[in-house]
PDB file of all heavy atoms in Angstrom:
ATOM      1  N   ASP A   1     -81.657 -96.986-164.547  1.00  0.00           N
ATOM      2  CA  ASP A   1     -81.006 -95.782-165.084  1.00  0.00           C
ATOM      3  C   ASP A   1     -80.413 -94.859-164.032  1.00  0.00           C
ATOM      4  O   ASP A   1     -79.550 -94.031-164.355  1.00  0.00           O
ATOM      5  CB  ASP A   1     -82.006 -94.977-165.918  1.00  0.00           C
ATOM      6  CG  ASP A   1     -82.449 -95.705-167.172  1.00  0.00           C
ATOM      7  OD1 ASP A   1     -82.169 -96.911-167.298  1.00  0.00           O
ATOM      8  OD2 ASP A   1     -83.091 -95.082-168.038  1.00  0.00           O
ATOM      9  N   TYR A   2     -80.859 -94.973-162.781  1.00  0.00           N
ATOM     10  CA  TYR A   2     -80.428 -94.006-161.760  1.00  0.00           C
ATOM     11  C   TYR A   2     -79.897 -94.666-160.487  1.00  0.00           C
ATOM     12  O   TYR A   2     -79.811 -94.012-159.444  1.00  0.00           O
ATOM     13  CB  TYR A   2     -81.581 -93.068-161.402  1.00  0.00           C
ATOM     14  CG  TYR A   2     -82.093 -92.272-162.589  1.00  0.00           C
ATOM     15  CD1 TYR A   2     -83.213 -92.701-163.301  1.00  0.00           C
ATOM     16  CD2 TYR A   2     -81.444 -91.117-163.014  1.00  0.00           C
ATOM     17  CE1 TYR A   2     -83.681 -91.986-164.399  1.00  0.00           C
ATOM     18  CE2 TYR A   2     -81.902 -90.394-164.114  1.00  0.00           C
ATOM     19  CZ  TYR A   2     -83.017 -90.844-164.802  1.00  0.00           C
ATOM     20  OH  TYR A   2     -83.468 -90.145-165.886  1.00  0.00           O
ATOM     21  N   GLY A   3     -79.572 -95.935-160.587  1.00  0.00           N
ATOM     22  CA  GLY A   3     -79.001 -96.613-159.427  1.00  0.00           C
ATOM     23  C   GLY A   3     -79.920 -96.684-158.239  1.00  0.00           C
ATOM     24  O   GLY A   3     -79.466 -96.793-157.091  1.00  0.00           O
ATOM     25  N   GLY A   4     -81.227 -96.610-158.490  1.00  0.00           N
ATOM     26  CA  GLY A   4     -82.196 -96.683-157.401  1.00  0.00           C
ATOM     27  C   GLY A   4     -82.403 -95.384-156.661  1.00  0.00           C
ATOM     28  O   GLY A   4     -83.125 -95.340-155.666  1.00  0.00           O
ATOM     29  N   GLU A   5     -81.787 -94.310-157.150  1.00  0.00           N
ATOM     30  CA  GLU A   5     -81.913 -93.005-156.503  1.00  0.00           C
ATOM     31  C   GLU A   5     -82.851 -92.094-157.309  1.00  0.00           C
ATOM     32  O   GLU A   5     -82.836 -92.113-158.544  1.00  0.00           O
ATOM     33  CB  GLU A   5     -80.542 -92.325-156.379  1.00  0.00           C
ATOM     34  CG  GLU A   5     -79.540 -93.092-155.533  1.00  0.00           C
ATOM     35  CD  GLU A   5     -79.942 -93.152-154.076  1.00  0.00           C
ATOM     36  OE1 GLU A   5     -80.560 -92.169-153.587  1.00  0.00           O
ATOM     37  OE2 GLU A   5     -79.648 -94.168-153.416  1.00  0.00           O
ATOM     38  N   VAL A   6     -83.641 -91.297-156.603  1.00  0.00           N
ATOM     39  CA  VAL A   6     -84.524 -90.341-157.266  1.00  0.00           C
ATOM     40  C   VAL A   6     -83.696 -89.134-157.697  1.00  0.00           C
ATOM     41  O   VAL A   6     -83.062 -88.490-156.853  1.00  0.00           O
ATOM     42  CB  VAL A   6     -85.657 -89.884-156.324  1.00  0.00           C
ATOM     43  CG1 VAL A   6     -86.517 -88.807-157.006  1.00  0.00           C
ATOM     44  CG2 VAL A   6     -86.530 -91.074-155.927  1.00  0.00           C
ATOM     45  N   PRO A   7     -83.671 -88.806-158.981  1.00  0.00           N
ATOM     46  CA  PRO A   7     -82.867 -87.664-159.432  1.00  0.00           C
ATOM     47  C   PRO A   7     -83.452 -86.345-158.944  1.00  0.00           C
ATOM     48  O   PRO A   7     -84.662 -86.227-158.738  1.00  0.00           O
ATOM     49  CB  PRO A   7     -82.945 -87.773-160.963  1.00  0.00           C
ATOM     50  CG  PRO A   7     -84.222 -88.500-161.227  1.00  0.00           C
ATOM     51  CD  PRO A   7     -84.362 -89.474-160.098  1.00  0.00           C
ATOM     52  N   ASP A   8     -82.592 -85.349-158.755  1.00  0.00           N
ATOM     53  CA  ASP A   8     -83.059 -84.051-158.270  1.00  0.00           C
ATOM     54  C   ASP A   8     -83.225 -83.031-159.395  1.00  0.00           C
ATOM     55  O   ASP A   8     -83.554 -81.871-159.143  1.00  0.00           O
ATOM     56  CB  ASP A   8     -82.115 -83.492-157.201  1.00  0.00           C
ATOM     57  CG  ASP A   8     -80.720 -83.186-157.745  1.00  0.00           C
ATOM     58  OD1 ASP A   8     -80.453 -83.517-158.916  1.00  0.00           O
ATOM     59  OD2 ASP A   8     -79.908 -82.622-156.996  1.00  0.00           O
ATOM     60  N   ASP A   9     -83.015 -83.458-160.628  1.00  0.00           N
ATOM     61  CA  ASP A   9     -83.121 -82.561-161.773  1.00  0.00           C
ATOM     62  C   ASP A   9     -84.469 -82.779-162.459  1.00  0.00           C
ATOM     63  O   ASP A   9     -84.859 -83.917-162.741  1.00  0.00           O
ATOM     64  CB  ASP A   9     -81.982 -82.837-162.754  1.00  0.00           C
ATOM     65  CG  ASP A   9     -82.045 -81.916-163.964  1.00  0.00           C
ATOM     66  OD1 ASP A   9     -81.634 -80.751-163.833  1.00  0.00           O
ATOM     67  OD2 ASP A   9     -82.521 -82.363-165.020  1.00  0.00           O
ATOM     68  N   ALA A  10     -85.177 -81.697-162.747  1.00  0.00           N
ATOM     69  CA  ALA A  10     -86.508 -81.781-163.341  1.00  0.00           C
ATOM     70  C   ALA A  10     -86.494 -82.500-164.681  1.00  0.00           C
ATOM     71  O   ALA A  10     -87.404 -83.280-164.993  1.00  0.00           O
ATOM     72  CB  ALA A  10     -87.101 -80.383-163.499  1.00  0.00           C
ATOM     73  N   LYS A  11     -85.468 -82.261-165.484  1.00  0.00           N
ATOM     74  CA  LYS A  11     -85.393 -82.887-166.807  1.00  0.00           C
ATOM     75  C   LYS A  11     -85.273 -84.400-166.691  1.00  0.00           C
ATOM     76  O   LYS A  11     -85.751 -85.138-167.562  1.00  0.00           O
ATOM     77  CB  LYS A  11     -84.208 -82.320-167.595  1.00  0.00           C
ATOM     78  CG  LYS A  11     -84.380 -80.859-167.989  1.00  0.00           C
ATOM     79  CD  LYS A  11     -83.174 -80.357-168.785  1.00  0.00           C
ATOM     80  CE  LYS A  11     -83.347 -78.902-169.192  1.00  0.00           C
ATOM     81  NZ  LYS A  11     -82.176 -78.389-169.950  1.00  0.00           N
ATOM     82  N   GLU A  12     -84.622 -84.854-165.638  1.00  0.00           N
ATOM     83  CA  GLU A  12     -84.503 -86.294-165.421  1.00  0.00           C
ATOM     84  C   GLU A  12     -85.778 -86.858-164.800  1.00  0.00           C
ATOM     85  O   GLU A  12     -86.218 -87.959-165.165  1.00  0.00           O
ATOM     86  CB  GLU A  12     -83.303 -86.597-164.519  1.00  0.00           C
ATOM     87  CG  GLU A  12     -81.967 -86.178-165.102  1.00  0.00           C
ATOM     88  CD  GLU A  12     -81.684 -86.842-166.444  1.00  0.00           C
ATOM     89  OE1 GLU A  12     -81.924 -88.063-166.572  1.00  0.00           O
ATOM     90  OE2 GLU A  12     -81.233 -86.142-167.385  1.00  0.00           O
ATOM     91  N   LEU A  13     -86.384 -86.114-163.898  1.00  0.00           N
ATOM     92  CA  LEU A  13     -87.602 -86.591-163.243  1.00  0.00           C
ATOM     93  C   LEU A  13     -88.733 -86.834-164.239  1.00  0.00           C
ATOM     94  O   LEU A  13     -89.448 -87.835-164.150  1.00  0.00           O
ATOM     95  CB  LEU A  13     -88.053 -85.587-162.175  1.00  0.00           C
ATOM     96  CG  LEU A  13     -87.279 -85.600-160.857  1.00  0.00           C
ATOM     97  CD1 LEU A  13     -87.611 -84.362-160.029  1.00  0.00           C
ATOM     98  CD2 LEU A  13     -87.590 -86.870-160.068  1.00  0.00           C
ATOM     99  N   VAL A  14     -88.898 -85.915-165.183  1.00  0.00           N
ATOM    100  CA  VAL A  14     -90.020 -86.058-166.121  1.00  0.00           C
ATOM    101  C   VAL A  14     -89.793 -87.175-167.144  1.00  0.00           C
ATOM    102  O   VAL A  14     -90.706 -87.506-167.910  1.00  0.00           O
ATOM    103  CB  VAL A  14     -90.323 -84.725-166.848  1.00  0.00           C
ATOM    104  CG1 VAL A  14     -90.775 -83.665-165.868  1.00  0.00           C
ATOM    105  CG2 VAL A  14     -89.124 -84.253-167.663  1.00  0.00           C
ATOM    106  N   LYS A  15     -88.616 -87.761-167.151  1.00  0.00           N
ATOM    107  CA  LYS A  15     -88.379 -88.931-168.003  1.00  0.00           C
ATOM    108  C   LYS A  15     -89.018 -90.183-167.396  1.00  0.00           C
ATOM    109  O   LYS A  15     -89.260 -91.166-168.101  1.00  0.00           O
ATOM    110  CB  LYS A  15     -86.872 -89.171-168.179  1.00  0.00           C
ATOM    111  CG  LYS A  15     -86.146 -88.110-168.991  1.00  0.00           C
ATOM    112  CD  LYS A  15     -84.663 -88.446-169.078  1.00  0.00           C
ATOM    113  CE  LYS A  15     -83.890 -87.381-169.857  1.00  0.00           C
ATOM    114  NZ  LYS A  15     -82.434 -87.689-169.910  1.00  0.00           N
ATOM    115  N   LEU A  16     -89.279 -90.141-166.107  1.00  0.00           N
ATOM    116  CA  LEU A  16     -89.838 -91.296-165.416  1.00  0.00           C
ATOM    117  C   LEU A  16     -91.301 -91.485-165.806  1.00  0.00           C
ATOM    118  O   LEU A  16     -92.052 -90.510-165.902  1.00  0.00           O
ATOM    119  CB  LEU A  16     -89.724 -91.115-163.900  1.00  0.00           C
ATOM    120  CG  LEU A  16     -88.310 -91.006-163.333  1.00  0.00           C
ATOM    121  CD1 LEU A  16     -88.360 -90.562-161.875  1.00  0.00           C
ATOM    122  CD2 LEU A  16     -87.583 -92.335-163.469  1.00  0.00           C
ATOM    123  N   PRO A  17     -91.750 -92.706-166.025  1.00  0.00           N
ATOM    124  CA  PRO A  17     -93.143 -92.969-166.391  1.00  0.00           C
ATOM    125  C   PRO A  17     -94.118 -92.401-165.362  1.00  0.00           C
ATOM    126  O   PRO A  17     -93.944 -92.584-164.154  1.00  0.00           O
ATOM    127  CB  PRO A  17     -93.211 -94.497-166.422  1.00  0.00           C
ATOM    128  CG  PRO A  17     -91.817 -94.921-166.746  1.00  0.00           C
ATOM    129  CD  PRO A  17     -90.936 -93.942-166.032  1.00  0.00           C
ATOM    130  N   GLY A  18     -95.122 -91.684-165.839  1.00  0.00           N
ATOM    131  CA  GLY A  18     -96.148 -91.131-164.963  1.00  0.00           C
ATOM    132  C   GLY A  18     -95.786 -89.836-164.280  1.00  0.00           C
ATOM    133  O   GLY A  18     -96.600 -89.266-163.542  1.00  0.00           O
ATOM    134  N   VAL A  19     -94.574 -89.342-164.490  1.00  0.00           N
ATOM    135  CA  VAL A  19     -94.119 -88.132-163.815  1.00  0.00           C
ATOM    136  C   VAL A  19     -94.168 -86.950-164.778  1.00  0.00           C
ATOM    137  O   VAL A  19     -93.464 -86.923-165.788  1.00  0.00           O
ATOM    138  CB  VAL A  19     -92.687 -88.300-163.266  1.00  0.00           C
ATOM    139  CG1 VAL A  19     -92.203 -86.998-162.627  1.00  0.00           C
ATOM    140  CG2 VAL A  19     -92.645 -89.439-162.254  1.00  0.00           C
ATOM    141  N   GLY A  20     -95.014 -85.976-164.465  1.00  0.00           N
ATOM    142  CA  GLY A  20     -95.104 -84.760-165.254  1.00  0.00           C
ATOM    143  C   GLY A  20     -94.439 -83.601-164.545  1.00  0.00           C
ATOM    144  O   GLY A  20     -93.800 -83.767-163.495  1.00  0.00           O
ATOM    145  N   ARG A  21     -94.612 -82.423-165.077  1.00  0.00           N
ATOM    146  CA  ARG A  21     -93.958 -81.234-164.538  1.00  0.00           C
ATOM    147  C   ARG A  21     -94.395 -80.934-163.102  1.00  0.00           C
ATOM    148  O   ARG A  21     -93.576 -80.593-162.256  1.00  0.00           O
ATOM    149  CB  ARG A  21     -94.254 -80.020-165.438  1.00  0.00           C
ATOM    150  CG  ARG A  21     -93.505 -78.760-165.033  1.00  0.00           C
ATOM    151  CD  ARG A  21     -93.817 -77.595-165.958  1.00  0.00           C
ATOM    152  NE  ARG A  21     -93.045 -76.418-165.607  1.00  0.00           N
ATOM    153  CZ  ARG A  21     -91.834 -76.141-166.064  1.00  0.00           C
ATOM    154  NH1 ARG A  21     -91.274 -76.982-166.923  1.00  0.00           N
ATOM    155  NH2 ARG A  21     -91.190 -75.058-165.692  1.00  0.00           N
ATOM    156  N   LYS A  22     -95.696 -81.089-162.827  1.00  0.00           N
ATOM    157  CA  LYS A  22     -96.187 -80.801-161.477  1.00  0.00           C
ATOM    158  C   LYS A  22     -95.547 -81.731-160.455  1.00  0.00           C
ATOM    159  O   LYS A  22     -95.074 -81.290-159.400  1.00  0.00           O
ATOM    160  CB  LYS A  22     -97.709 -80.947-161.426  1.00  0.00           C
ATOM    161  CG  LYS A  22     -98.325 -80.466-160.112  1.00  0.00           C
ATOM    162  CD  LYS A  22     -99.638 -81.133-159.814  1.00  0.00           C
ATOM    163  CE  LYS A  22     -99.439 -82.530-159.269  1.00  0.00           C
ATOM    164  NZ  LYS A  22    -100.677 -83.168-158.773  1.00  0.00           N
ATOM    165  N   THR A  23     -95.539 -83.025-160.755  1.00  0.00           N
ATOM    166  CA  THR A  23     -94.942 -83.989-159.832  1.00  0.00           C
ATOM    167  C   THR A  23     -93.459 -83.709-159.643  1.00  0.00           C
ATOM    168  O   THR A  23     -92.943 -83.769-158.515  1.00  0.00           O
ATOM    169  CB  THR A  23     -95.146 -85.423-160.358  1.00  0.00           C
ATOM    170  OG1 THR A  23     -96.549 -85.703-160.417  1.00  0.00           O
ATOM    171  CG2 THR A  23     -94.477 -86.448-159.458  1.00  0.00           C
ATOM    172  N   ALA A  24     -92.767 -83.407-160.727  1.00  0.00           N
ATOM    173  CA  ALA A  24     -91.338 -83.099-160.633  1.00  0.00           C
ATOM    174  C   ALA A  24     -91.102 -81.874-159.750  1.00  0.00           C
ATOM    175  O   ALA A  24     -90.167 -81.850-158.931  1.00  0.00           O
ATOM    176  CB  ALA A  24     -90.765 -82.857-162.031  1.00  0.00           C
ATOM    177  N   ASN A  25     -91.934 -80.870-159.893  1.00  0.00           N
ATOM    178  CA  ASN A  25     -91.783 -79.665-159.078  1.00  0.00           C
ATOM    179  C   ASN A  25     -92.050 -79.939-157.605  1.00  0.00           C
ATOM    180  O   ASN A  25     -91.400 -79.351-156.727  1.00  0.00           O
ATOM    181  CB  ASN A  25     -92.715 -78.567-159.586  1.00  0.00           C
ATOM    182  CG  ASN A  25     -92.187 -77.879-160.834  1.00  0.00           C
ATOM    183  OD1 ASN A  25     -91.013 -78.014-161.173  1.00  0.00           O
ATOM    184  ND2 ASN A  25     -93.032 -77.138-161.519  1.00  0.00           N
ATOM    185  N   VAL A  26     -93.022 -80.808-157.318  1.00  0.00           N
ATOM    186  CA  VAL A  26     -93.284 -81.176-155.920  1.00  0.00           C
ATOM    187  C   VAL A  26     -92.055 -81.841-155.320  1.00  0.00           C
ATOM    188  O   VAL A  26     -91.627 -81.512-154.202  1.00  0.00           O
ATOM    189  CB  VAL A  26     -94.504 -82.114-155.810  1.00  0.00           C
ATOM    190  CG1 VAL A  26     -94.603 -82.702-154.399  1.00  0.00           C
ATOM    191  CG2 VAL A  26     -95.791 -81.369-156.147  1.00  0.00           C
ATOM    192  N   LEU A  27     -91.462 -82.786-156.041  1.00  0.00           N
ATOM    193  CA  LEU A  27     -90.262 -83.474-155.534  1.00  0.00           C
ATOM    194  C   LEU A  27     -89.126 -82.494-155.300  1.00  0.00           C
ATOM    195  O   LEU A  27     -88.436 -82.547-154.274  1.00  0.00           O
ATOM    196  CB  LEU A  27     -89.820 -84.541-156.541  1.00  0.00           C
ATOM    197  CG  LEU A  27     -90.242 -85.980-156.283  1.00  0.00           C
ATOM    198  CD1 LEU A  27     -89.520 -86.529-155.061  1.00  0.00           C
ATOM    199  CD2 LEU A  27     -91.745 -86.101-156.114  1.00  0.00           C
ATOM    200  N   GLN A  28     -88.937 -81.588-156.237  1.00  0.00           N
ATOM    201  CA  GLN A  28     -87.831 -80.643-156.110  1.00  0.00           C
ATOM    202  C   GLN A  28     -88.031 -79.711-154.918  1.00  0.00           C
ATOM    203  O   GLN A  28     -87.083 -79.410-154.195  1.00  0.00           O
ATOM    204  CB  GLN A  28     -87.690 -79.831-157.393  1.00  0.00           C
ATOM    205  CG  GLN A  28     -87.114 -80.626-158.546  1.00  0.00           C
ATOM    206  CD  GLN A  28     -86.746 -79.746-159.715  1.00  0.00           C
ATOM    207  OE1 GLN A  28     -87.597 -79.100-160.305  1.00  0.00           O
ATOM    208  NE2 GLN A  28     -85.470 -79.679-160.018  1.00  0.00           N
ATOM    209  N   ALA A  29     -89.262 -79.259-154.714  1.00  0.00           N
ATOM    210  CA  ALA A  29     -89.522 -78.322-153.625  1.00  0.00           C
ATOM    211  C   ALA A  29     -89.532 -79.008-152.263  1.00  0.00           C
ATOM    212  O   ALA A  29     -88.872 -78.564-151.320  1.00  0.00           O
ATOM    213  CB  ALA A  29     -90.854 -77.602-153.859  1.00  0.00           C
ATOM    214  N   VAL A  30     -90.291 -80.103-152.147  1.00  0.00           N
ATOM    215  CA  VAL A  30     -90.507 -80.742-150.843  1.00  0.00           C
ATOM    216  C   VAL A  30     -89.286 -81.530-150.386  1.00  0.00           C
ATOM    217  O   VAL A  30     -88.870 -81.422-149.230  1.00  0.00           O
ATOM    218  CB  VAL A  30     -91.751 -81.655-150.891  1.00  0.00           C
ATOM    219  CG1 VAL A  30     -91.906 -82.418-149.586  1.00  0.00           C
ATOM    220  CG2 VAL A  30     -93.006 -80.827-151.169  1.00  0.00           C
TER     221      VAL A  30
END
């Protein structure tokens, strides 16, 4: 779905299996 790239949008990140709001926020911040 993303061409092998990690999306930078929280709404897209939380669509990934096992990824919740906390994990998405860590990716966005770090």
